[in-house]
Amino acid sequence: MARVTATEFRNNIGIFSDAAMNEPVIITSHDRDRLVLLSADEYRRLTGSPGGLSDDRKRELSAGIDYHAATIMELAKR
C-alpha cells in the first residue's frame, strides 16, 4: 500500500490515481493518515453499492480484500 504526503499527492495526482486502481493509497498530512484513495470498484464493493461488476472483476476484488484486509481493519480502528 502506498503512503504519500498531501503535497506529493497534489503534485503527482495522476500517478497516485493510477496506483489506487490496484491498491489503496494513504494520503498523509502532518505525519498523520488523513485520506485513503481507492478505486470506484473497490468503494462499491466495500459499501455494497450496485455496480454491475463482471464475475471476473468480482473474483479479482475478492482476492484483493483478502490481501488488504489487515490494513483496512487497522485503518478503520484509527
N, C-alpha and C. Protein backbone atom coordinates (compact mmCIF):
# COMPACT_ATOMS: atom_id res chain seq x y z
N MET A 1 0.85 -1.17 0.00
CA MET A 1 0.00 0.00 0.00
C MET A 1 0.90 1.23 0.00
N ALA A 2 0.56 2.17 -0.87
CA ALA A 2 1.35 3.40 -0.96
C ALA A 2 0.92 4.38 0.14
N ARG A 3 1.87 5.12 0.63
CA ARG A 3 1.61 6.18 1.63
C ARG A 3 2.35 7.41 1.14
N VAL A 4 1.61 8.51 0.92
CA VAL A 4 2.21 9.73 0.39
C VAL A 4 1.70 10.94 1.16
N THR A 5 2.49 12.00 1.12
CA THR A 5 2.04 13.24 1.74
C THR A 5 1.02 13.91 0.82
N ALA A 6 0.24 14.82 1.40
CA ALA A 6 -0.75 15.56 0.60
C ALA A 6 -0.06 16.33 -0.52
N THR A 7 1.11 16.88 -0.23
CA THR A 7 1.85 17.63 -1.25
C THR A 7 2.29 16.72 -2.38
N GLU A 8 2.83 15.53 -2.04
CA GLU A 8 3.23 14.57 -3.07
C GLU A 8 2.02 14.17 -3.92
N PHE A 9 0.90 13.93 -3.25
CA PHE A 9 -0.31 13.55 -3.97
C PHE A 9 -0.74 14.66 -4.92
N ARG A 10 -0.81 15.89 -4.44
CA ARG A 10 -1.23 17.03 -5.24
C ARG A 10 -0.31 17.21 -6.46
N ASN A 11 0.98 17.01 -6.26
CA ASN A 11 1.94 17.20 -7.36
C ASN A 11 1.97 16.04 -8.35
N ASN A 12 1.45 14.88 -7.95
CA ASN A 12 1.50 13.69 -8.80
C ASN A 12 0.17 12.95 -8.80
N ILE A 13 -0.92 13.70 -8.89
CA ILE A 13 -2.24 13.09 -8.74
C ILE A 13 -2.50 11.96 -9.75
N GLY A 14 -2.02 12.11 -10.98
CA GLY A 14 -2.23 11.08 -11.99
C GLY A 14 -1.56 9.77 -11.62
N ILE A 15 -0.35 9.85 -11.14
CA ILE A 15 0.40 8.65 -10.76
C ILE A 15 -0.30 7.92 -9.62
N PHE A 16 -0.71 8.68 -8.59
CA PHE A 16 -1.33 8.03 -7.44
C PHE A 16 -2.76 7.59 -7.72
N SER A 17 -3.44 8.29 -8.63
CA SER A 17 -4.77 7.83 -9.04
C SER A 17 -4.66 6.49 -9.76
N ASP A 18 -3.67 6.37 -10.62
CA ASP A 18 -3.44 5.09 -11.30
C ASP A 18 -3.08 4.00 -10.30
N ALA A 19 -2.24 4.33 -9.32
CA ALA A 19 -1.84 3.35 -8.30
C ALA A 19 -3.05 2.87 -7.50
N ALA A 20 -4.00 3.77 -7.24
CA ALA A 20 -5.18 3.42 -6.45
C ALA A 20 -6.09 2.42 -7.16
N MET A 21 -5.90 2.24 -8.45
CA MET A 21 -6.67 1.23 -9.17
C MET A 21 -6.25 -0.17 -8.77
N ASN A 22 -5.06 -0.31 -8.21
CA ASN A 22 -4.54 -1.62 -7.81
C ASN A 22 -4.49 -1.82 -6.31
N GLU A 23 -4.31 -0.73 -5.56
CA GLU A 23 -4.24 -0.83 -4.11
C GLU A 23 -4.57 0.53 -3.50
N PRO A 24 -5.07 0.55 -2.28
CA PRO A 24 -5.37 1.83 -1.64
C PRO A 24 -4.11 2.68 -1.49
N VAL A 25 -4.30 4.00 -1.58
CA VAL A 25 -3.22 4.96 -1.39
C VAL A 25 -3.58 5.81 -0.18
N ILE A 26 -2.74 5.79 0.84
CA ILE A 26 -2.98 6.59 2.04
C ILE A 26 -2.33 7.95 1.85
N ILE A 27 -3.11 9.00 2.06
CA ILE A 27 -2.61 10.37 1.93
C ILE A 27 -2.47 10.94 3.33
N THR A 28 -1.27 11.41 3.64
CA THR A 28 -0.98 11.90 4.99
C THR A 28 -0.87 13.42 5.01
N SER A 29 -1.06 13.96 6.19
CA SER A 29 -0.87 15.38 6.41
C SER A 29 -0.29 15.55 7.81
N HIS A 30 0.83 16.23 7.91
CA HIS A 30 1.49 16.42 9.20
C HIS A 30 1.75 15.08 9.90
N ASP A 31 2.24 14.11 9.11
CA ASP A 31 2.60 12.78 9.60
C ASP A 31 1.42 11.98 10.15
N ARG A 32 0.20 12.34 9.77
CA ARG A 32 -0.98 11.59 10.20
C ARG A 32 -1.77 11.14 8.98
N ASP A 33 -2.31 9.92 9.02
CA ASP A 33 -3.16 9.45 7.94
C ASP A 33 -4.41 10.32 7.89
N ARG A 34 -4.73 10.86 6.71
CA ARG A 34 -5.89 11.74 6.56
C ARG A 34 -6.94 11.16 5.64
N LEU A 35 -6.51 10.59 4.52
CA LEU A 35 -7.42 10.10 3.50
C LEU A 35 -6.92 8.79 2.93
N VAL A 36 -7.85 8.02 2.37
CA VAL A 36 -7.47 6.82 1.63
C VAL A 36 -8.14 6.90 0.27
N LEU A 37 -7.33 6.82 -0.78
CA LEU A 37 -7.83 6.85 -2.15
C LEU A 37 -7.91 5.41 -2.63
N LEU A 38 -9.09 5.03 -3.15
CA LEU A 38 -9.24 3.69 -3.70
C LEU A 38 -10.12 3.74 -4.93
N SER A 39 -10.09 2.68 -5.70
CA SER A 39 -10.84 2.65 -6.95
C SER A 39 -12.34 2.68 -6.68
N ALA A 40 -13.09 3.14 -7.67
CA ALA A 40 -14.55 3.17 -7.56
C ALA A 40 -15.09 1.76 -7.37
N ASP A 41 -14.51 0.79 -8.06
CA ASP A 41 -14.97 -0.60 -7.89
C ASP A 41 -14.76 -1.09 -6.47
N GLU A 42 -13.61 -0.76 -5.90
CA GLU A 42 -13.34 -1.17 -4.52
C GLU A 42 -14.30 -0.46 -3.56
N TYR A 43 -14.58 0.81 -3.80
CA TYR A 43 -15.54 1.54 -2.98
C TYR A 43 -16.91 0.89 -3.04
N ARG A 44 -17.36 0.57 -4.25
CA ARG A 44 -18.66 -0.10 -4.40
C ARG A 44 -18.68 -1.43 -3.67
N ARG A 45 -17.59 -2.16 -3.77
CA ARG A 45 -17.53 -3.46 -3.10
C ARG A 45 -17.62 -3.28 -1.58
N LEU A 46 -16.89 -2.32 -1.05
CA LEU A 46 -16.89 -2.11 0.39
C LEU A 46 -18.23 -1.59 0.91
N THR A 47 -18.91 -0.79 0.12
CA THR A 47 -20.18 -0.21 0.57
C THR A 47 -21.38 -1.05 0.17
N GLY A 48 -21.14 -2.04 -0.67
CA GLY A 48 -22.26 -2.87 -1.12
C GLY A 48 -23.11 -2.19 -2.18
N SER A 49 -22.61 -1.10 -2.76
CA SER A 49 -23.35 -0.40 -3.80
C SER A 49 -23.37 -1.22 -5.07
N PRO A 50 -24.50 -1.19 -5.78
CA PRO A 50 -24.55 -1.92 -7.05
C PRO A 50 -23.60 -1.30 -8.06
N GLY A 51 -22.96 -2.12 -8.83
CA GLY A 51 -22.03 -1.58 -9.79
C GLY A 51 -21.98 -2.36 -11.08
N GLY A 52 -22.74 -3.44 -11.15
CA GLY A 52 -22.74 -4.22 -12.37
C GLY A 52 -21.38 -4.79 -12.72
N LEU A 53 -20.65 -5.27 -11.72
CA LEU A 53 -19.31 -5.79 -11.96
C LEU A 53 -19.37 -7.16 -12.63
N SER A 54 -18.41 -7.42 -13.46
CA SER A 54 -18.31 -8.74 -14.08
C SER A 54 -17.87 -9.76 -13.03
N ASP A 55 -18.15 -11.02 -13.31
CA ASP A 55 -17.74 -12.07 -12.37
C ASP A 55 -16.23 -12.10 -12.19
N ASP A 56 -15.49 -11.87 -13.27
CA ASP A 56 -14.02 -11.83 -13.18
C ASP A 56 -13.57 -10.71 -12.24
N ARG A 57 -14.18 -9.52 -12.38
CA ARG A 57 -13.81 -8.39 -11.53
C ARG A 57 -14.19 -8.65 -10.09
N LYS A 58 -15.33 -9.30 -9.87
CA LYS A 58 -15.75 -9.65 -8.51
C LYS A 58 -14.75 -10.59 -7.86
N ARG A 59 -14.27 -11.58 -8.61
CA ARG A 59 -13.27 -12.51 -8.08
C ARG A 59 -11.97 -11.77 -7.79
N GLU A 60 -11.58 -10.87 -8.69
CA GLU A 60 -10.35 -10.10 -8.50
C GLU A 60 -10.44 -9.23 -7.24
N LEU A 61 -11.56 -8.56 -7.06
CA LEU A 61 -11.74 -7.72 -5.88
C LEU A 61 -11.80 -8.55 -4.60
N SER A 62 -12.42 -9.70 -4.69
CA SER A 62 -12.50 -10.58 -3.53
C SER A 62 -11.10 -11.02 -3.09
N ALA A 63 -10.26 -11.33 -4.06
CA ALA A 63 -8.88 -11.71 -3.74
C ALA A 63 -8.14 -10.51 -3.14
N GLY A 64 -8.43 -9.32 -3.64
CA GLY A 64 -7.78 -8.11 -3.14
C GLY A 64 -8.12 -7.82 -1.70
N ILE A 65 -9.36 -8.07 -1.31
CA ILE A 65 -9.75 -7.80 0.08
C ILE A 65 -9.00 -8.73 1.02
N ASP A 66 -8.79 -9.95 0.63
CA ASP A 66 -8.01 -10.86 1.47
C ASP A 66 -6.60 -10.32 1.66
N TYR A 67 -6.04 -9.79 0.59
CA TYR A 67 -4.68 -9.26 0.64
C TYR A 67 -4.59 -8.01 1.52
N HIS A 68 -5.62 -7.15 1.46
CA HIS A 68 -5.59 -5.86 2.16
C HIS A 68 -6.39 -5.83 3.46
N ALA A 69 -7.00 -6.92 3.85
CA ALA A 69 -7.91 -6.93 4.99
C ALA A 69 -7.27 -6.39 6.27
N ALA A 70 -6.08 -6.81 6.59
CA ALA A 70 -5.44 -6.37 7.84
C ALA A 70 -5.21 -4.86 7.84
N THR A 71 -4.77 -4.33 6.72
CA THR A 71 -4.53 -2.89 6.64
C THR A 71 -5.83 -2.11 6.74
N ILE A 72 -6.86 -2.56 6.07
CA ILE A 72 -8.16 -1.89 6.11
C ILE A 72 -8.70 -1.90 7.54
N MET A 73 -8.58 -3.00 8.22
CA MET A 73 -9.07 -3.10 9.60
C MET A 73 -8.26 -2.19 10.51
N GLU A 74 -6.96 -2.11 10.30
CA GLU A 74 -6.10 -1.23 11.11
C GLU A 74 -6.52 0.24 10.91
N LEU A 75 -6.77 0.62 9.66
CA LEU A 75 -7.18 1.99 9.38
C LEU A 75 -8.55 2.30 9.96
N ALA A 76 -9.43 1.33 9.95
CA ALA A 76 -10.78 1.54 10.49
C ALA A 76 -10.75 1.79 11.99
N LYS A 77 -9.75 1.29 12.66
CA LYS A 77 -9.65 1.46 14.12
C LYS A 77 -9.11 2.84 14.52
N ARG A 78 -8.53 3.56 13.56
CA ARG A 78 -7.89 4.86 13.87
C ARG A 78 -8.91 5.96 13.97
